[in-house]
Protein backbone atom coordinates (compact mmCIF):
# COMPACT_ATOMS: atom_id res chain seq x y z
CA MET A 1 82.22 72.17 94.95
CA SER A 2 85.66 73.60 94.26
CA LYS A 3 86.46 77.25 94.71
CA ARG A 4 86.25 79.32 91.54
CA HIS A 5 89.18 81.67 91.07
CA PRO A 6 88.74 84.86 89.02
CA THR A 7 89.96 84.90 85.45
CA PRO A 8 92.85 87.25 84.60
CA ASP A 9 90.35 89.66 82.99
CA GLU A 10 88.17 89.64 86.11
CA SER A 11 91.26 90.30 88.24
CA ARG A 12 92.22 93.26 86.05
CA GLU A 13 88.68 94.69 86.37
CA TRP A 14 88.89 94.37 90.17
CA CYS A 15 92.32 96.04 90.17
CA MET A 16 91.00 98.88 88.00
CA SER A 17 88.03 99.46 90.31
CA ARG A 18 90.29 99.64 93.39
CA LEU A 19 92.66 102.06 91.65
CA GLN A 20 89.73 104.20 90.52
CA ARG A 21 88.43 104.44 94.09
CA TRP A 22 91.85 105.70 95.22
CA ILE A 23 92.05 108.15 92.30
CA ASP A 24 88.60 109.48 93.28
CA VAL A 25 89.92 110.19 96.79
CA ALA A 26 93.52 111.27 96.23
CA GLY A 27 93.64 112.15 92.54
CA PRO A 28 95.76 110.42 89.87
CA GLU A 29 98.97 111.48 91.63
CA GLY A 30 98.02 109.70 94.88
CA LEU A 31 100.59 106.99 95.52
CA VAL A 32 99.90 103.28 95.67
CA THR A 33 102.27 100.58 96.92
CA LYS A 34 102.49 97.25 95.13
CA ILE A 35 101.93 94.16 97.25
CA GLU A 36 103.54 91.20 95.50
CA SER A 37 101.81 87.85 95.18
CA ASN A 38 102.20 85.44 98.07
CA MET A 39 100.82 82.49 96.11
CA LEU A 40 102.94 79.40 95.54
CA ALA A 41 104.33 80.66 92.22
CA GLY A 42 105.23 84.00 93.85
CA PRO A 43 105.45 87.26 91.93
CA CYS A 44 106.52 87.15 88.29
CA ASP A 45 109.66 88.93 87.10
CA ALA A 46 107.55 91.66 85.47
CA VAL A 47 106.02 92.60 88.84
CA LYS A 48 109.39 92.44 90.59
CA ALA A 49 110.67 94.99 88.05
CA LEU A 50 107.93 97.53 88.91
CA PRO A 51 108.75 100.34 91.35
CA ALA A 52 107.56 99.81 94.93
CA THR A 53 105.30 102.88 94.76
CA THR A 54 103.72 104.62 91.80
CA PRO A 55 101.06 107.25 91.17
CA ALA A 56 97.66 105.54 90.98
CA GLY A 57 96.96 107.11 87.59
CA GLN A 58 100.05 105.39 86.16
CA ALA A 59 99.70 102.01 87.89
CA LYS A 60 99.56 98.93 85.69
CA LEU A 61 96.70 96.47 86.16
CA PHE A 62 97.37 93.09 87.74
CA PRO A 63 97.90 90.52 86.47
CA LEU A 64 100.28 92.19 84.05
CA LEU A 65 99.86 91.25 80.40
CA ASP A 66 103.30 89.61 80.39
CA CYS A 67 102.73 87.76 83.68
CA THR A 68 104.03 84.20 83.52
CA HIS A 69 101.23 82.82 85.74
CA PRO A 70 98.20 85.15 85.49
CA ASP A 71 95.78 82.54 86.86
CA GLN A 72 97.71 82.50 90.15
CA CYS A 73 98.39 86.23 90.46
CA ALA A 74 97.51 87.70 93.84
CA CYS A 75 99.41 90.97 93.35
CA ARG A 76 97.57 94.11 94.35
CA TYR A 77 98.02 97.74 95.33
CA GLU A 78 97.41 99.44 98.63
CA ALA A 79 96.97 103.16 99.11
CA THR A 80 100.05 104.96 100.42
CA MET A 81 99.21 107.53 103.04
CA ASP A 82 101.60 110.40 103.63
């Protein structure tokens, strides 16, 4: 049986739940750092254009709507501790 990868919508839901957990802890101004995709296709140009860190309340969900390969997106955020 082959591995089932999440759909882009499922990935966005997962991203939203992780961001919400960080917002619950640090508030919407708590910073998150983007971790770009390490999949074969690599990060799309839209992700490369995002700032390295951003407030969690303003972070865009991955895969981005204009991602060129949303089925292969492995981009994510990690909490930035001061």
